[in-house]
């Protein structure tokens, strides 16, 4: 009887590995350590829901758009993808490996706006 129990334990199913996270913007797999939580509506504007994005995609969003722009217009994946600068970035980053990291530079337009509000 002891041997049967040992065989049953050995044959127990292995729990499935969790599916890798997929970035809703670039549609690439997000490796461990490269995921950021993004509020599509910024918390400062009442947003609560978060989505997991590639770190590089998340940084690009905040480099291109102010919080006001995100809250008023760019609060969905579809709207972000439709913006010409974001579409160019996504086309470019899709050709990179999933773990790719690039320094993202804030656009001059958003840098100017941020200093106006400070």
PDB file of N, CA and C in Angstrom:
ATOM      1  N   UNK A   1       0.819  -1.197   0.000  1.00  0.00           N
ATOM      2  CA  UNK A   1       0.000   0.000   0.000  1.00  0.00           C
ATOM      3  C   UNK A   1       0.864   1.264   0.000  1.00  0.00           C
ATOM      4  N   UNK A   2       1.963   1.251   0.749  1.00  0.00           N
ATOM      5  CA  UNK A   2       2.847   2.411   0.813  1.00  0.00           C
ATOM      6  C   UNK A   2       3.428   2.755  -0.544  1.00  0.00           C
ATOM      7  N   UNK A   3       3.755   1.694  -1.330  1.00  0.00           N
ATOM      8  CA  UNK A   3       4.333   1.925  -2.654  1.00  0.00           C
ATOM      9  C   UNK A   3       3.309   2.569  -3.591  1.00  0.00           C
ATOM     10  N   UNK A   4       2.054   2.185  -3.500  1.00  0.00           N
ATOM     11  CA  UNK A   4       1.003   2.760  -4.351  1.00  0.00           C
ATOM     12  C   UNK A   4       0.826   4.237  -4.049  1.00  0.00           C
ATOM     13  N   UNK A   5       0.836   4.604  -2.761  1.00  0.00           N
ATOM     14  CA  UNK A   5       0.691   6.011  -2.398  1.00  0.00           C
ATOM     15  C   UNK A   5       1.854   6.833  -2.942  1.00  0.00           C
ATOM     16  N   UNK A   6       3.071   6.249  -2.874  1.00  0.00           N
ATOM     17  CA  UNK A   6       4.231   6.970  -3.401  1.00  0.00           C
ATOM     18  C   UNK A   6       4.095   7.174  -4.915  1.00  0.00           C
ATOM     19  N   UNK A   7       3.616   6.176  -5.618  1.00  0.00           N
ATOM     20  CA  UNK A   7       3.424   6.296  -7.064  1.00  0.00           C
ATOM     21  C   UNK A   7       2.331   7.316  -7.389  1.00  0.00           C
ATOM     22  N   UNK A   8       1.281   7.349  -6.591  1.00  0.00           N
ATOM     23  CA  UNK A   8       0.214   8.323  -6.820  1.00  0.00           C
ATOM     24  C   UNK A   8       0.737   9.739  -6.605  1.00  0.00           C
ATOM     25  N   UNK A   9       1.542   9.926  -5.561  1.00  0.00           N
ATOM     26  CA  UNK A   9       2.114  11.250  -5.316  1.00  0.00           C
ATOM     27  C   UNK A   9       3.032  11.659  -6.460  1.00  0.00           C
ATOM     28  N   UNK A  10       3.815  10.726  -6.950  1.00  0.00           N
ATOM     29  CA  UNK A  10       4.746  11.038  -8.031  1.00  0.00           C
ATOM     30  C   UNK A  10       4.003  11.384  -9.317  1.00  0.00           C
ATOM     31  N   UNK A  11       2.820  10.788  -9.507  1.00  0.00           N
ATOM     32  CA  UNK A  11       2.065  11.021 -10.737  1.00  0.00           C
ATOM     33  C   UNK A  11       1.127  12.222 -10.620  1.00  0.00           C
ATOM     34  N   UNK A  12       1.148  12.918  -9.490  1.00  0.00           N
ATOM     35  CA  UNK A  12       0.260  14.080  -9.322  1.00  0.00           C
ATOM     36  C   UNK A  12       0.577  15.115 -10.395  1.00  0.00           C
ATOM     37  N   UNK A  13      -0.439  15.744 -10.922  1.00  0.00           N
ATOM     38  CA  UNK A  13      -0.193  16.723 -11.987  1.00  0.00           C
ATOM     39  C   UNK A  13       0.600  17.929 -11.473  1.00  0.00           C
ATOM     40  N   UNK A  14       1.474  18.389 -12.301  1.00  0.00           N
ATOM     41  CA  UNK A  14       2.269  19.572 -11.987  1.00  0.00           C
ATOM     42  C   UNK A  14       1.411  20.791 -12.298  1.00  0.00           C
ATOM     43  N   UNK A  15       1.326  21.756 -11.367  1.00  0.00           N
ATOM     44  CA  UNK A  15       0.511  22.936 -11.667  1.00  0.00           C
ATOM     45  C   UNK A  15       1.049  23.664 -12.895  1.00  0.00           C
ATOM     46  N   UNK A  16       0.163  24.155 -13.727  1.00  0.00           N
ATOM     47  CA  UNK A  16       0.626  24.828 -14.957  1.00  0.00           C
ATOM     48  C   UNK A  16       1.367  26.127 -14.622  1.00  0.00           C
ATOM     49  N   UNK A  17       2.346  26.418 -15.449  1.00  0.00           N
ATOM     50  CA  UNK A  17       3.084  27.679 -15.302  1.00  0.00           C
ATOM     51  C   UNK A  17       2.140  28.819 -15.685  1.00  0.00           C
ATOM     52  N   UNK A  18       2.222  29.932 -14.963  1.00  0.00           N
ATOM     53  CA  UNK A  18       1.357  31.047 -15.346  1.00  0.00           C
ATOM     54  C   UNK A  18       1.728  31.547 -16.740  1.00  0.00           C
ATOM     55  N   UNK A  19       0.725  31.925 -17.474  1.00  0.00           N
ATOM     56  CA  UNK A  19       0.958  32.438 -18.825  1.00  0.00           C
ATOM     57  C   UNK A  19       1.747  33.738 -18.733  1.00  0.00           C
ATOM     58  N   UNK A  20       2.684  33.951 -19.642  1.00  0.00           N
ATOM     59  CA  UNK A  20       3.437  35.201 -19.599  1.00  0.00           C
ATOM     60  C   UNK A  20       2.519  36.385 -19.878  1.00  0.00           C
ATOM     61  N   UNK A  21       2.810  37.493 -19.232  1.00  0.00           N
ATOM     62  CA  UNK A  21       2.024  38.710 -19.467  1.00  0.00           C
ATOM     63  C   UNK A  21       2.337  39.228 -20.868  1.00  0.00           C
ATOM     64  N   UNK A  22       1.318  39.734 -21.522  1.00  0.00           N
ATOM     65  CA  UNK A  22       1.461  40.311 -22.865  1.00  0.00           C
ATOM     66  C   UNK A  22       1.114  41.793 -22.765  1.00  0.00           C
ATOM     67  N   UNK A  23       1.985  42.636 -23.292  1.00  0.00           N
ATOM     68  CA  UNK A  23       1.746  44.082 -23.281  1.00  0.00           C
ATOM     69  C   UNK A  23       0.589  44.397 -24.234  1.00  0.00           C
ATOM     70  N   UNK A  24      -0.461  45.072 -23.751  1.00  0.00           N
ATOM     71  CA  UNK A  24      -1.584  45.377 -24.639  1.00  0.00           C
ATOM     72  C   UNK A  24      -1.236  46.401 -25.726  1.00  0.00           C
ATOM     73  N   UNK A  25      -0.162  47.157 -25.558  1.00  0.00           N
ATOM     74  CA  UNK A  25       0.214  48.135 -26.582  1.00  0.00           C
ATOM     75  C   UNK A  25       1.043  47.511 -27.695  1.00  0.00           C
ATOM     76  N   UNK A  26       2.184  46.917 -27.346  1.00  0.00           N
ATOM     77  CA  UNK A  26       3.069  46.378 -28.384  1.00  0.00           C
ATOM     78  C   UNK A  26       2.803  44.907 -28.670  1.00  0.00           C
ATOM     79  N   UNK A  27       1.979  44.273 -27.837  1.00  0.00           N
ATOM     80  CA  UNK A  27       1.571  42.876 -28.005  1.00  0.00           C
ATOM     81  C   UNK A  27       2.739  41.898 -27.944  1.00  0.00           C
ATOM     82  N   UNK A  28       3.799  42.285 -27.220  1.00  0.00           N
ATOM     83  CA  UNK A  28       4.936  41.382 -27.014  1.00  0.00           C
ATOM     84  C   UNK A  28       4.882  40.834 -25.595  1.00  0.00           C
ATOM     85  N   UNK A  29       5.523  39.702 -25.389  1.00  0.00           N
ATOM     86  CA  UNK A  29       5.616  39.099 -24.066  1.00  0.00           C
ATOM     87  C   UNK A  29       6.449  40.014 -23.163  1.00  0.00           C
ATOM     88  N   UNK A  30       6.015  40.166 -21.919  1.00  0.00           N
ATOM     89  CA  UNK A  30       6.724  41.012 -20.963  1.00  0.00           C
ATOM     90  C   UNK A  30       7.569  40.113 -20.063  1.00  0.00           C
ATOM     91  N   UNK A  31       8.907  40.223 -20.152  1.00  0.00           N
ATOM     92  CA  UNK A  31       9.745  39.386 -19.293  1.00  0.00           C
ATOM     93  C   UNK A  31       9.688  39.849 -17.831  1.00  0.00           C
ATOM     94  N   UNK A  32      10.067  38.946 -16.928  1.00  0.00           N
ATOM     95  CA  UNK A  32      10.115  39.303 -15.513  1.00  0.00           C
ATOM     96  C   UNK A  32      10.994  40.534 -15.327  1.00  0.00           C
ATOM     97  N   UNK A  33      10.563  41.415 -14.465  1.00  0.00           N
ATOM     98  CA  UNK A  33      11.330  42.614 -14.165  1.00  0.00           C
ATOM     99  C   UNK A  33      11.140  43.744 -15.163  1.00  0.00           C
ATOM    100  N   UNK A  34      10.348  43.532 -16.198  1.00  0.00           N
ATOM    101  CA  UNK A  34      10.138  44.569 -17.212  1.00  0.00           C
ATOM    102  C   UNK A  34       8.692  45.039 -17.267  1.00  0.00           C
ATOM    103  N   UNK A  35       7.881  44.705 -16.255  1.00  0.00           N
ATOM    104  CA  UNK A  35       6.484  45.130 -16.309  1.00  0.00           C
ATOM    105  C   UNK A  35       6.235  46.289 -15.353  1.00  0.00           C
ATOM    106  N   UNK A  36       5.455  47.215 -15.828  1.00  0.00           N
ATOM    107  CA  UNK A  36       5.035  48.390 -15.061  1.00  0.00           C
ATOM    108  C   UNK A  36       3.512  48.430 -15.051  1.00  0.00           C
ATOM    109  N   UNK A  37       2.963  48.881 -13.941  1.00  0.00           N
ATOM    110  CA  UNK A  37       1.514  49.084 -13.859  1.00  0.00           C
ATOM    111  C   UNK A  37       1.213  50.497 -14.335  1.00  0.00           C
ATOM    112  N   UNK A  38       0.253  50.625 -15.230  1.00  0.00           N
ATOM    113  CA  UNK A  38      -0.105  51.939 -15.788  1.00  0.00           C
ATOM    114  C   UNK A  38      -1.578  52.207 -15.541  1.00  0.00           C
ATOM    115  N   UNK A  39      -1.874  53.391 -15.053  1.00  0.00           N
ATOM    116  CA  UNK A  39      -3.255  53.860 -14.929  1.00  0.00           C
ATOM    117  C   UNK A  39      -3.606  54.559 -16.236  1.00  0.00           C
ATOM    118  N   UNK A  40      -4.535  54.008 -16.999  1.00  0.00           N
ATOM    119  CA  UNK A  40      -4.899  54.663 -18.262  1.00  0.00           C
ATOM    120  C   UNK A  40      -5.524  56.028 -17.994  1.00  0.00           C
ATOM    121  N   UNK A  41      -6.287  56.142 -16.929  1.00  0.00           N
ATOM    122  CA  UNK A  41      -6.711  57.452 -16.428  1.00  0.00           C
ATOM    123  C   UNK A  41      -5.833  57.687 -15.204  1.00  0.00           C
ATOM    124  N   UNK A  42      -4.997  58.740 -15.216  1.00  0.00           N
ATOM    125  CA  UNK A  42      -4.080  58.959 -14.094  1.00  0.00           C
ATOM    126  C   UNK A  42      -4.809  59.040 -12.753  1.00  0.00           C
ATOM    127  N   UNK A  43      -4.143  58.587 -11.713  1.00  0.00           N
ATOM    128  CA  UNK A  43      -4.736  58.629 -10.377  1.00  0.00           C
ATOM    129  C   UNK A  43      -5.084  60.056  -9.987  1.00  0.00           C
ATOM    130  N   UNK A  44      -4.286  61.016 -10.420  1.00  0.00           N
ATOM    131  CA  UNK A  44      -4.565  62.417 -10.094  1.00  0.00           C
ATOM    132  C   UNK A  44      -5.870  62.910 -10.723  1.00  0.00           C
ATOM    133  N   UNK A  45      -6.401  62.141 -11.681  1.00  0.00           N
ATOM    134  CA  UNK A  45      -7.664  62.479 -12.336  1.00  0.00           C
ATOM    135  C   UNK A  45      -8.748  61.447 -12.019  1.00  0.00           C
ATOM    136  N   UNK A  46      -8.558  60.712 -10.933  1.00  0.00           N
ATOM    137  CA  UNK A  46      -9.578  59.771 -10.486  1.00  0.00           C
ATOM    138  C   UNK A  46      -9.448  58.357 -11.001  1.00  0.00           C
ATOM    139  N   UNK A  47      -8.378  58.041 -11.715  1.00  0.00           N
ATOM    140  CA  UNK A  47      -8.207  56.694 -12.252  1.00  0.00           C
ATOM    141  C   UNK A  47      -7.885  55.683 -11.172  1.00  0.00           C
ATOM    142  N   UNK A  48      -8.406  54.486 -11.343  1.00  0.00           N
ATOM    143  CA  UNK A  48      -8.156  53.412 -10.381  1.00  0.00           C
ATOM    144  C   UNK A  48      -7.598  52.167 -11.047  1.00  0.00           C
ATOM    145  N   UNK A  49      -8.100  51.843 -12.226  1.00  0.00           N
ATOM    146  CA  UNK A  49      -7.718  50.599 -12.897  1.00  0.00           C
ATOM    147  C   UNK A  49      -6.310  50.705 -13.462  1.00  0.00           C
ATOM    148  N   UNK A  50      -5.551  49.612 -13.310  1.00  0.00           N
ATOM    149  CA  UNK A  50      -4.197  49.566 -13.860  1.00  0.00           C
ATOM    150  C   UNK A  50      -4.079  48.413 -14.850  1.00  0.00           C
ATOM    151  N   UNK A  51      -3.157  48.562 -15.761  1.00  0.00           N
ATOM    152  CA  UNK A  51      -2.833  47.537 -16.739  1.00  0.00           C
ATOM    153  C   UNK A  51      -1.332  47.319 -16.670  1.00  0.00           C
ATOM    154  N   UNK A  52      -0.909  46.111 -16.940  1.00  0.00           N
ATOM    155  CA  UNK A  52       0.512  45.800 -16.967  1.00  0.00           C
ATOM    156  C   UNK A  52       1.029  46.044 -18.374  1.00  0.00           C
ATOM    157  N   UNK A  53       2.091  46.863 -18.472  1.00  0.00           N
ATOM    158  CA  UNK A  53       2.708  47.199 -19.749  1.00  0.00           C
ATOM    159  C   UNK A  53       4.205  46.924 -19.677  1.00  0.00           C
ATOM    160  N   UNK A  54       4.834  46.819 -20.856  1.00  0.00           N
ATOM    161  CA  UNK A  54       6.295  46.817 -20.911  1.00  0.00           C
ATOM    162  C   UNK A  54       6.785  48.118 -20.304  1.00  0.00           C
ATOM    163  N   UNK A  55       7.868  48.067 -19.600  1.00  0.00           N
ATOM    164  CA  UNK A  55       8.431  49.284 -19.014  1.00  0.00           C
ATOM    165  C   UNK A  55       8.732  50.321 -20.098  1.00  0.00           C
ATOM    166  N   UNK A  56       9.293  49.899 -21.223  1.00  0.00           N
ATOM    167  CA  UNK A  56       9.645  50.843 -22.283  1.00  0.00           C
ATOM    168  C   UNK A  56       8.379  51.484 -22.890  1.00  0.00           C
ATOM    169  N   UNK A  57       7.301  50.728 -23.010  1.00  0.00           N
ATOM    170  CA  UNK A  57       6.049  51.277 -23.537  1.00  0.00           C
ATOM    171  C   UNK A  57       5.452  52.272 -22.538  1.00  0.00           C
ATOM    172  N   UNK A  58       5.495  51.922 -21.263  1.00  0.00           N
ATOM    173  CA  UNK A  58       4.972  52.804 -20.222  1.00  0.00           C
ATOM    174  C   UNK A  58       5.737  54.123 -20.194  1.00  0.00           C
ATOM    175  N   UNK A  59       7.044  54.039 -20.285  1.00  0.00           N
ATOM    176  CA  UNK A  59       7.852  55.271 -20.283  1.00  0.00           C
ATOM    177  C   UNK A  59       7.559  56.128 -21.507  1.00  0.00           C
ATOM    178  N   UNK A  60       7.331  55.483 -22.642  1.00  0.00           N
ATOM    179  CA  UNK A  60       7.031  56.244 -23.858  1.00  0.00           C
ATOM    180  C   UNK A  60       5.704  56.987 -23.729  1.00  0.00           C
ATOM    181  N   UNK A  61       4.716  56.377 -23.118  1.00  0.00           N
ATOM    182  CA  UNK A  61       3.429  57.048 -22.904  1.00  0.00           C
ATOM    183  C   UNK A  61       3.643  58.344 -22.134  1.00  0.00           C
ATOM    184  N   UNK A  62       4.382  58.251 -21.030  1.00  0.00           N
ATOM    185  CA  UNK A  62       4.573  59.431 -20.188  1.00  0.00           C
ATOM    186  C   UNK A  62       5.559  60.434 -20.790  1.00  0.00           C
ATOM    187  N   UNK A  63       6.362  59.990 -21.740  1.00  0.00           N
ATOM    188  CA  UNK A  63       7.239  60.914 -22.453  1.00  0.00           C
ATOM    189  C   UNK A  63       6.458  61.729 -23.483  1.00  0.00           C
ATOM    190  N   UNK A  64       5.394  61.162 -24.020  1.00  0.00           N
ATOM    191  CA  UNK A  64       4.630  61.833 -25.073  1.00  0.00           C
ATOM    192  C   UNK A  64       3.440  62.639 -24.563  1.00  0.00           C
ATOM    193  N   UNK A  65       2.810  62.191 -23.482  1.00  0.00           N
ATOM    194  CA  UNK A  65       1.534  62.782 -23.076  1.00  0.00           C
ATOM    195  C   UNK A  65       1.579  63.321 -21.653  1.00  0.00           C
ATOM    196  N   UNK A  66       0.856  64.399 -21.447  1.00  0.00           N
ATOM    197  CA  UNK A  66       0.686  64.927 -20.099  1.00  0.00           C
ATOM    198  C   UNK A  66      -0.420  64.122 -19.411  1.00  0.00           C
ATOM    199  N   UNK A  67      -0.523  64.263 -18.107  1.00  0.00           N
ATOM    200  CA  UNK A  67      -1.595  63.568 -17.389  1.00  0.00           C
ATOM    201  C   UNK A  67      -2.965  64.060 -17.844  1.00  0.00           C
ATOM    202  N   UNK A  68      -3.075  65.346 -18.133  1.00  0.00           N
ATOM    203  CA  UNK A  68      -4.345  65.894 -18.619  1.00  0.00           C
ATOM    204  C   UNK A  68      -4.732  65.267 -19.946  1.00  0.00           C
ATOM    205  N   UNK A  69      -3.770  65.118 -20.860  1.00  0.00           N
ATOM    206  CA  UNK A  69      -4.048  64.487 -22.153  1.00  0.00           C
ATOM    207  C   UNK A  69      -4.452  63.027 -21.980  1.00  0.00           C
ATOM    208  N   UNK A  70      -3.772  62.329 -21.075  1.00  0.00           N
ATOM    209  CA  UNK A  70      -4.130  60.928 -20.823  1.00  0.00           C
ATOM    210  C   UNK A  70      -5.546  60.823 -20.272  1.00  0.00           C
ATOM    211  N   UNK A  71      -5.891  61.702 -19.341  1.00  0.00           N
ATOM    212  CA  UNK A  71      -7.220  61.649 -18.724  1.00  0.00           C
ATOM    213  C   UNK A  71      -8.318  62.027 -19.714  1.00  0.00           C
ATOM    214  N   UNK A  72      -8.059  63.037 -20.543  1.00  0.00           N
ATOM    215  CA  UNK A  72      -9.129  63.541 -21.412  1.00  0.00           C
ATOM    216  C   UNK A  72      -9.267  62.770 -22.725  1.00  0.00           C
ATOM    217  N   UNK A  73      -8.182  62.236 -23.255  1.00  0.00           N
ATOM    218  CA  UNK A  73      -8.309  61.621 -24.574  1.00  0.00           C
ATOM    219  C   UNK A  73      -7.612  60.265 -24.718  1.00  0.00           C
ATOM    220  N   UNK A  74      -6.416  60.099 -24.200  1.00  0.00           N
ATOM    221  CA  UNK A  74      -5.620  58.894 -24.463  1.00  0.00           C
ATOM    222  C   UNK A  74      -5.735  57.893 -23.319  1.00  0.00           C
ATOM    223  N   UNK A  75      -6.966  57.536 -22.955  1.00  0.00           N
ATOM    224  CA  UNK A  75      -7.195  56.645 -21.823  1.00  0.00           C
ATOM    225  C   UNK A  75      -7.604  55.225 -22.240  1.00  0.00           C
ATOM    226  N   UNK A  76      -7.364  54.877 -23.495  1.00  0.00           N
ATOM    227  CA  UNK A  76      -7.596  53.498 -23.955  1.00  0.00           C
ATOM    228  C   UNK A  76      -6.419  53.057 -24.823  1.00  0.00           C
ATOM    229  N   UNK A  77      -6.268  51.763 -24.947  1.00  0.00           N
ATOM    230  CA  UNK A  77      -5.207  51.206 -25.791  1.00  0.00           C
ATOM    231  C   UNK A  77      -5.400  51.665 -27.231  1.00  0.00           C
ATOM    232  N   UNK A  78      -6.633  51.638 -27.699  1.00  0.00           N
ATOM    233  CA  UNK A  78      -6.914  52.012 -29.089  1.00  0.00           C
ATOM    234  C   UNK A  78      -6.528  53.461 -29.374  1.00  0.00           C
ATOM    235  N   UNK A  79      -6.859  54.351 -28.469  1.00  0.00           N
ATOM    236  CA  UNK A  79      -6.533  55.768 -28.683  1.00  0.00           C
ATOM    237  C   UNK A  79      -5.029  56.008 -28.623  1.00  0.00           C
ATOM    238  N   UNK A  80      -4.349  55.317 -27.723  1.00  0.00           N
ATOM    239  CA  UNK A  80      -2.894  55.458 -27.666  1.00  0.00           C
ATOM    240  C   UNK A  80      -2.263  54.957 -28.956  1.00  0.00           C
ATOM    241  N   UNK A  81      -2.704  53.802 -29.431  1.00  0.00           N
ATOM    242  CA  UNK A  81      -2.152  53.241 -30.673  1.00  0.00           C
ATOM    243  C   UNK A  81      -2.420  54.142 -31.875  1.00  0.00           C
ATOM    244  N   UNK A  82      -3.524  54.875 -31.852  1.00  0.00           N
ATOM    245  CA  UNK A  82      -3.897  55.710 -32.993  1.00  0.00           C
ATOM    246  C   UNK A  82      -3.069  56.992 -33.085  1.00  0.00           C
ATOM    247  N   UNK A  83      -2.454  57.413 -32.003  1.00  0.00           N
ATOM    248  CA  UNK A  83      -1.642  58.632 -32.035  1.00  0.00           C
ATOM    249  C   UNK A  83      -0.421  58.378 -32.922  1.00  0.00           C
ATOM    250  N   UNK A  84      -0.122  59.273 -33.878  1.00  0.00           N
ATOM    251  CA  UNK A  84       0.971  59.023 -34.833  1.00  0.00           C
ATOM    252  C   UNK A  84       2.333  58.746 -34.185  1.00  0.00           C
ATOM    253  N   UNK A  85       2.720  59.513 -33.182  1.00  0.00           N
ATOM    254  CA  UNK A  85       4.024  59.297 -32.548  1.00  0.00           C
ATOM    255  C   UNK A  85       4.065  57.957 -31.805  1.00  0.00           C
ATOM    256  N   UNK A  86       2.972  57.603 -31.171  1.00  0.00           N
ATOM    257  CA  UNK A  86       2.921  56.328 -30.455  1.00  0.00           C
ATOM    258  C   UNK A  86       2.905  55.173 -31.449  1.00  0.00           C
ATOM    259  N   UNK A  87       2.192  55.331 -32.559  1.00  0.00           N
ATOM    260  CA  UNK A  87       2.149  54.287 -33.595  1.00  0.00           C
ATOM    261  C   UNK A  87       3.545  54.038 -34.166  1.00  0.00           C
ATOM    262  N   UNK A  88       4.311  55.117 -34.406  1.00  0.00           N
ATOM    263  CA  UNK A  88       5.689  54.959 -34.905  1.00  0.00           C
ATOM    264  C   UNK A  88       6.544  54.219 -33.880  1.00  0.00           C
ATOM    265  N   UNK A  89       6.402  54.609 -32.604  1.00  0.00           N
ATOM    266  CA  UNK A  89       7.161  53.949 -31.549  1.00  0.00           C
ATOM    267  C   UNK A  89       6.807  52.465 -31.491  1.00  0.00           C
ATOM    268  N   UNK A  90       5.523  52.132 -31.517  1.00  0.00           N
ATOM    269  CA  UNK A  90       5.100  50.734 -31.419  1.00  0.00           C
ATOM    270  C   UNK A  90       5.604  49.911 -32.606  1.00  0.00           C
ATOM    271  N   UNK A  91       5.574  50.482 -33.798  1.00  0.00           N
ATOM    272  CA  UNK A  91       6.092  49.773 -34.971  1.00  0.00           C
ATOM    273  C   UNK A  91       7.588  49.501 -34.797  1.00  0.00           C
ATOM    274  N   UNK A  92       8.304  50.451 -34.232  1.00  0.00           N
ATOM    275  CA  UNK A  92       9.736  50.310 -34.004  1.00  0.00           C
ATOM    276  C   UNK A  92      10.026  49.281 -32.905  1.00  0.00           C
ATOM    277  N   UNK A  93       9.340  49.379 -31.777  1.00  0.00           N
ATOM    278  CA  UNK A  93       9.650  48.523 -30.628  1.00  0.00           C
ATOM    279  C   UNK A  93       9.219  47.073 -30.869  1.00  0.00           C
ATOM    280  N   UNK A  94       8.246  46.840 -31.722  1.00  0.00           N
ATOM    281  CA  UNK A  94       7.814  45.466 -32.019  1.00  0.00           C
ATOM    282  C   UNK A  94       8.922  44.660 -32.690  1.00  0.00           C
ATOM    283  N   UNK A  95       9.875  45.354 -33.296  1.00  0.00           N
ATOM    284  CA  UNK A  95      10.997  44.667 -33.949  1.00  0.00           C
ATOM    285  C   UNK A  95      12.131  44.364 -32.955  1.00  0.00           C
ATOM    286  N   UNK A  96      11.986  44.764 -31.718  1.00  0.00           N
ATOM    287  CA  UNK A  96      12.996  44.544 -30.688  1.00  0.00           C
ATOM    288  C   UNK A  96      12.644  43.309 -29.865  1.00  0.00           C
ATOM    289  N   UNK A  97      13.656  42.701 -29.223  1.00  0.00           N
ATOM    290  CA  UNK A  97      13.358  41.548 -28.361  1.00  0.00           C
ATOM    291  C   UNK A  97      12.546  41.988 -27.147  1.00  0.00           C
ATOM    292  N   UNK A  98      11.794  41.076 -26.523  1.00  0.00           N
ATOM    293  CA  UNK A  98      10.931  41.444 -25.400  1.00  0.00           C
ATOM    294  C   UNK A  98      11.646  42.135 -24.240  1.00  0.00           C
ATOM    295  N   UNK A  99      12.896  41.787 -23.962  1.00  0.00           N
ATOM    296  CA  UNK A  99      13.611  42.388 -22.846  1.00  0.00           C
ATOM    297  C   UNK A  99      14.319  43.676 -23.186  1.00  0.00           C
ATOM    298  N   UNK A 100      14.081  44.213 -24.375  1.00  0.00           N
ATOM    299  CA  UNK A 100      14.760  45.421 -24.835  1.00  0.00           C
ATOM    300  C   UNK A 100      14.444  46.612 -23.934  1.00  0.00           C
ATOM    301  N   UNK A 101      15.488  47.362 -23.561  1.00  0.00           N
ATOM    302  CA  UNK A 101      15.327  48.569 -22.753  1.00  0.00           C
ATOM    303  C   UNK A 101      16.000  49.713 -23.490  1.00  0.00           C
ATOM    304  N   UNK A 102      15.329  50.821 -23.585  1.00  0.00           N
ATOM    305  CA  UNK A 102      15.858  52.006 -24.250  1.00  0.00           C
ATOM    306  C   UNK A 102      15.575  53.204 -23.370  1.00  0.00           C
ATOM    307  N   UNK A 103      16.497  54.115 -23.323  1.00  0.00           N
ATOM    308  CA  UNK A 103      16.262  55.357 -22.595  1.00  0.00           C
ATOM    309  C   UNK A 103      15.247  56.165 -23.389  1.00  0.00           C
ATOM    310  N   UNK A 104      14.193  56.562 -22.733  1.00  0.00           N
ATOM    311  CA  UNK A 104      13.127  57.317 -23.391  1.00  0.00           C
ATOM    312  C   UNK A 104      13.291  58.775 -23.030  1.00  0.00           C
ATOM    313  N   UNK A 105      13.252  59.621 -24.034  1.00  0.00           N
ATOM    314  CA  UNK A 105      13.390  61.066 -23.802  1.00  0.00           C
ATOM    315  C   UNK A 105      12.015  61.722 -23.843  1.00  0.00           C
ATOM    316  N   UNK A 106      11.783  62.567 -22.880  1.00  0.00           N
ATOM    317  CA  UNK A 106      10.521  63.307 -22.818  1.00  0.00           C
ATOM    318  C   UNK A 106      10.472  64.278 -23.990  1.00  0.00           C
ATOM    319  N   UNK A 107       9.314  64.392 -24.604  1.00  0.00           N
ATOM    320  CA  UNK A 107       9.181  65.301 -25.739  1.00  0.00           C
ATOM    321  C   UNK A 107       9.287  66.744 -25.257  1.00  0.00           C
ATOM    322  N   UNK A 108       9.752  67.585 -26.121  1.00  0.00           N
ATOM    323  CA  UNK A 108       9.891  69.012 -25.788  1.00  0.00           C
ATOM    324  C   UNK A 108       8.546  69.607 -25.392  1.00  0.00           C
ATOM    325  N   UNK A 109       7.499  69.174 -26.055  1.00  0.00           N
ATOM    326  CA  UNK A 109       6.163  69.688 -25.780  1.00  0.00           C
ATOM    327  C   UNK A 109       5.728  69.374 -24.350  1.00  0.00           C
ATOM    328  N   UNK A 110       5.947  68.147 -23.893  1.00  0.00           N
ATOM    329  CA  UNK A 110       5.532  67.802 -22.532  1.00  0.00           C
ATOM    330  C   UNK A 110       6.488  68.379 -21.500  1.00  0.00           C
ATOM    331  N   UNK A 111       7.762  68.550 -21.841  1.00  0.00           N
ATOM    332  CA  UNK A 111       8.691  69.193 -20.905  1.00  0.00           C
ATOM    333  C   UNK A 111       8.276  70.629 -20.659  1.00  0.00           C
ATOM    334  N   UNK A 112       7.901  71.326 -21.699  1.00  0.00           N
ATOM    335  CA  UNK A 112       7.483  72.721 -21.584  1.00  0.00           C
ATOM    336  C   UNK A 112       6.213  72.820 -20.754  1.00  0.00           C
ATOM    337  N   UNK A 113       5.262  71.947 -21.013  1.00  0.00           N
ATOM    338  CA  UNK A 113       3.990  71.985 -20.261  1.00  0.00           C
ATOM    339  C   UNK A 113       4.204  71.706 -18.789  1.00  0.00           C
ATOM    340  N   UNK A 114       5.074  70.767 -18.459  1.00  0.00           N
ATOM    341  CA  UNK A 114       5.308  70.434 -17.065  1.00  0.00           C
ATOM    342  C   UNK A 114       5.908  71.610 -16.319  1.00  0.00           C
ATOM    343  N   UNK A 115       6.829  72.334 -16.946  1.00  0.00           N
ATOM    344  CA  UNK A 115       7.442  73.449 -16.254  1.00  0.00           C
ATOM    345  C   UNK A 115       6.461  74.612 -16.121  1.00  0.00           C
ATOM    346  N   UNK A 116       5.500  74.723 -17.040  1.00  0.00           N
ATOM    347  CA  UNK A 116       4.484  75.779 -16.933  1.00  0.00           C
ATOM    348  C   UNK A 116       3.595  75.578 -15.718  1.00  0.00           C
ATOM    349  N   UNK A 117       3.347  74.315 -15.353  1.00  0.00           N
ATOM    350  CA  UNK A 117       2.428  74.020 -14.248  1.00  0.00           C
ATOM    351  C   UNK A 117       3.123  74.033 -12.900  1.00  0.00           C
ATOM    352  N   UNK A 118       4.449  73.971 -12.865  1.00  0.00           N
ATOM    353  CA  UNK A 118       5.168  73.910 -11.587  1.00  0.00           C
ATOM    354  C   UNK A 118       5.214  75.245 -10.879  1.00  0.00           C
TER     355      UNK A 118
END
